[in-house]
Protein backbone atom coordinates (compact mmCIF):
# COMPACT_ATOMS: atom_id res chain seq x y z
CA MET A 1 -0.01 0.05 0.03
CA THR A 2 1.47 3.23 -0.96
CA ILE A 3 1.38 6.43 0.88
CA PRO A 4 -0.86 8.25 -1.48
CA ASN A 5 -3.30 5.18 -1.02
CA LEU A 6 -3.09 5.45 2.59
CA ILE A 7 -4.04 9.21 2.43
CA THR A 8 -7.04 8.24 0.44
CA VAL A 9 -8.11 5.58 2.72
CA PHE A 10 -7.67 8.22 5.55
CA ARG A 11 -10.21 10.37 3.65
CA PHE A 12 -12.89 7.65 3.72
CA ILE A 13 -12.54 7.34 7.29
CA LEU A 14 -13.24 11.09 7.62
CA VAL A 15 -16.50 10.81 5.98
CA PRO A 16 -18.63 9.32 8.65
CA ILE A 17 -16.85 11.59 11.24
CA VAL A 18 -17.54 14.76 9.24
CA ILE A 19 -21.26 13.73 8.83
CA VAL A 20 -21.64 13.31 12.49
CA MET A 21 -20.27 16.61 13.17
CA ILE A 22 -22.74 18.09 10.74
CA LEU A 23 -25.60 16.38 12.21
CA ARG A 24 -24.54 17.52 15.63
CA GLU A 25 -24.13 20.86 14.32
CA GLU A 26 -20.20 21.07 15.27
CA TRP A 27 -19.76 23.32 12.55
CA GLY A 28 -15.97 24.17 13.44
CA TRP A 29 -14.91 20.63 13.36
CA ALA A 30 -17.23 19.69 10.46
CA LEU A 31 -15.31 22.60 8.62
CA ALA A 32 -12.01 21.39 9.80
CA LEU A 33 -12.38 17.75 8.95
CA PHE A 34 -13.88 18.38 5.76
CA ALA A 35 -11.11 20.77 4.77
CA LEU A 36 -8.69 18.19 5.96
CA ALA A 37 -10.21 15.73 3.50
CA GLY A 38 -10.33 18.43 0.66
CA ILE A 39 -6.38 18.93 1.18
CA SER A 40 -5.71 15.45 1.22
CA ASP A 41 -7.16 14.72 -2.14
CA GLY A 42 -4.84 17.26 -3.57
CA LEU A 43 -2.00 15.79 -1.29
CA ASP A 44 -2.33 12.20 -2.31
CA GLY A 45 -2.38 13.06 -6.02
CA TYR A 46 0.68 15.42 -5.69
CA ILE A 47 2.62 12.44 -3.80
CA ALA A 48 1.70 9.93 -6.45
CA ARG A 49 2.87 12.05 -9.24
CA ARG A 50 6.16 13.70 -7.48
CA LEU A 51 7.31 10.52 -6.11
CA ASP A 52 6.27 8.42 -8.69
CA MET A 53 3.70 6.40 -6.41
CA ARG A 54 0.95 5.76 -9.12
CA SER A 55 -1.03 2.66 -8.90
CA ASP A 56 -4.01 1.12 -10.34
CA LEU A 57 -5.60 0.86 -7.06
CA GLY A 58 -5.02 4.73 -6.33
CA ALA A 59 -6.49 5.51 -9.75
CA ALA A 60 -9.83 3.31 -8.86
CA ILE A 61 -10.01 4.50 -4.99
CA ASP A 62 -9.08 8.10 -5.22
CA PRO A 63 -12.17 9.10 -7.37
CA LEU A 64 -14.27 6.91 -5.45
CA ALA A 65 -13.14 8.63 -2.23
CA ASP A 66 -14.07 11.94 -3.63
CA LYS A 67 -17.27 10.63 -4.77
CA VAL A 68 -18.30 9.15 -1.32
CA LEU A 69 -17.26 12.26 0.39
CA LEU A 70 -18.83 14.80 -1.38
CA VAL A 71 -22.22 12.68 -1.96
CA SER A 72 -22.25 12.19 1.77
CA ILE A 73 -21.72 15.91 2.61
CA TYR A 74 -24.16 17.23 -0.07
CA ILE A 75 -26.90 14.71 1.08
CA THR A 76 -26.49 15.43 4.76
CA LEU A 77 -26.51 19.28 4.20
CA ALA A 78 -29.58 18.80 1.96
CA ILE A 79 -31.34 16.79 4.56
CA ILE A 80 -30.77 19.14 7.19
CA GLU A 81 -31.93 21.97 4.95
CA VAL A 82 -28.77 23.71 4.83
CA ILE A 83 -28.12 23.75 0.91
CA PRO A 84 -31.09 23.14 -1.45
CA ALA A 85 -32.08 19.65 -2.19
CA TRP A 86 -32.13 20.07 -5.96
CA LEU A 87 -28.37 20.88 -5.61
CA ALA A 88 -27.62 17.71 -3.94
CA ILE A 89 -29.78 15.67 -6.20
CA ILE A 90 -28.16 17.22 -9.24
CA VAL A 91 -24.45 16.45 -7.84
CA VAL A 92 -25.52 12.86 -6.57
CA SER A 93 -27.20 11.97 -9.88
CA ARG A 94 -24.28 12.66 -12.01
CA ASP A 95 -21.86 10.83 -9.66
CA VAL A 96 -24.38 7.85 -9.51
CA MET A 97 -24.50 7.91 -13.31
CA ILE A 98 -20.80 7.96 -13.78
CA VAL A 99 -20.30 4.99 -11.25
CA MET A 100 -23.23 3.09 -13.06
CA ALA A 101 -21.74 3.78 -16.56
CA PHE A 102 -18.47 2.20 -15.18
CA MET A 103 -20.24 -0.78 -13.74
CA VAL A 104 -22.13 -1.54 -16.96
CA SER A 105 -18.95 -1.49 -18.96
CA TRP A 106 -17.31 -3.60 -16.66
CA MET A 107 -20.19 -6.07 -16.65
CA LEU A 108 -20.21 -6.17 -20.61
CA ALA A 109 -16.42 -6.91 -20.57
CA ARG A 110 -15.74 -3.35 -21.99
CA PRO A 111 -14.05 -1.84 -18.83
CA MET A 112 -13.09 1.72 -18.87
CA ALA A 113 -9.98 3.20 -17.69
CA VAL A 114 -10.57 5.78 -14.78
CA LYS A 115 -9.65 9.06 -16.38
CA PRO A 116 -11.28 11.96 -14.84
CA LEU A 117 -11.91 14.96 -17.21
CA PHE A 118 -10.06 18.10 -16.32
CA LEU A 119 -13.46 19.94 -16.27
CA SER A 120 -14.76 17.57 -13.97
CA LYS A 121 -11.87 18.08 -11.67
CA VAL A 122 -12.32 21.81 -11.72
CA ASN A 123 -16.14 20.90 -10.76
CA THR A 124 -15.01 18.79 -8.00
CA ALA A 125 -12.80 21.47 -6.71
CA LEU A 126 -15.81 23.89 -6.73
CA GLN A 127 -17.99 21.43 -5.06
CA ILE A 128 -15.39 21.19 -2.32
CA ALA A 129 -14.97 24.92 -2.04
CA PHE A 130 -18.83 25.37 -2.00
CA ALA A 131 -18.79 22.96 0.91
CA VAL A 132 -16.18 24.74 2.82
CA LEU A 133 -17.84 27.96 2.20
CA VAL A 134 -21.20 26.98 3.66
CA LEU A 135 -19.47 25.02 6.54
CA GLY A 136 -17.42 28.17 7.12
CA GLY A 137 -20.08 30.48 6.92
CA LEU A 138 -22.09 28.10 9.81
CA ALA A 139 -18.90 27.75 11.74
CA PHE A 140 -17.95 31.77 11.80
CA ALA A 141 -21.75 32.87 11.62
CA LEU A 142 -21.00 34.79 8.49
CA ASN A 143 -23.30 36.40 6.25
CA LEU A 144 -22.37 35.36 2.82
CA GLY A 145 -24.99 37.10 0.82
CA ASN A 146 -25.68 35.76 -2.62
CA LEU A 147 -22.10 34.01 -2.75
CA PRO A 148 -23.73 30.49 -1.98
CA ASP A 149 -26.12 30.87 -4.73
CA LEU A 150 -23.69 31.96 -7.29
CA PHE A 151 -21.47 29.14 -6.31
CA ALA A 152 -24.59 26.72 -6.40
CA ILE A 153 -25.38 27.73 -10.05
CA LEU A 154 -21.71 27.37 -11.33
CA ILE A 155 -21.78 24.03 -9.89
CA VAL A 156 -25.03 23.01 -11.54
CA LEU A 157 -23.87 24.36 -14.89
CA LEU A 158 -20.56 22.57 -14.46
CA THR A 159 -22.02 19.16 -13.29
CA ILE A 160 -24.50 19.09 -16.18
CA VAL A 161 -21.70 19.89 -18.68
CA THR A 162 -19.47 17.20 -17.21
CA ALA A 163 -22.34 14.80 -16.99
CA GLY A 164 -22.89 15.17 -20.82
CA LEU A 165 -19.18 14.81 -21.64
CA TYR A 166 -19.01 11.78 -19.58
CA VAL A 167 -22.13 10.02 -21.29
CA ARG A 168 -20.52 11.04 -24.74
CA ARG A 169 -17.25 9.46 -23.61
CA TRP A 170 -19.07 6.28 -22.25
CA LEU A 171 -21.08 5.98 -25.45
CA ARG A 172 -18.02 6.18 -27.66
CA HIS A 173 -16.30 3.60 -25.80
CA MET A 174 -19.30 1.27 -25.77
CA SER A 175 -19.79 1.64 -29.59
CA PRO A 176 -18.23 -1.06 -31.64
């Protein structure tokens, strides 16, 4: 097990802890642990590239850890009505669609390489930043005005665009 993979496993472990902190409205802890998870996402990739520790396992579990973290946070924040449910539904639906496409391609003996689009990485970074913004606003009792709404609109647009790009990639891959 490489150092980047251990960092990714650590991110999986943080997910239920962050959720509990959100449900208990321990906003400072939720923010700190979520930010730590977000930082670890960049750190594991940097270490893997810099120290040539890339692995097939890492290529599979890193995006999965991102999805588990973001889906869990967005669902939890929507359930307690901190973010709009429609935003969580759009973000989660795209991620479920991507996972299902990989599963179908694998079941049909046409497995796809896990290669995130650059725009998808930007979208993930914005989703993480949005969660940090929301949690930070709650932790520090900040009036963020329309900033969360603007972030949400940008995230929805990027989520829809990247969903379309992934569907196109999947269809091309699955075509004979």
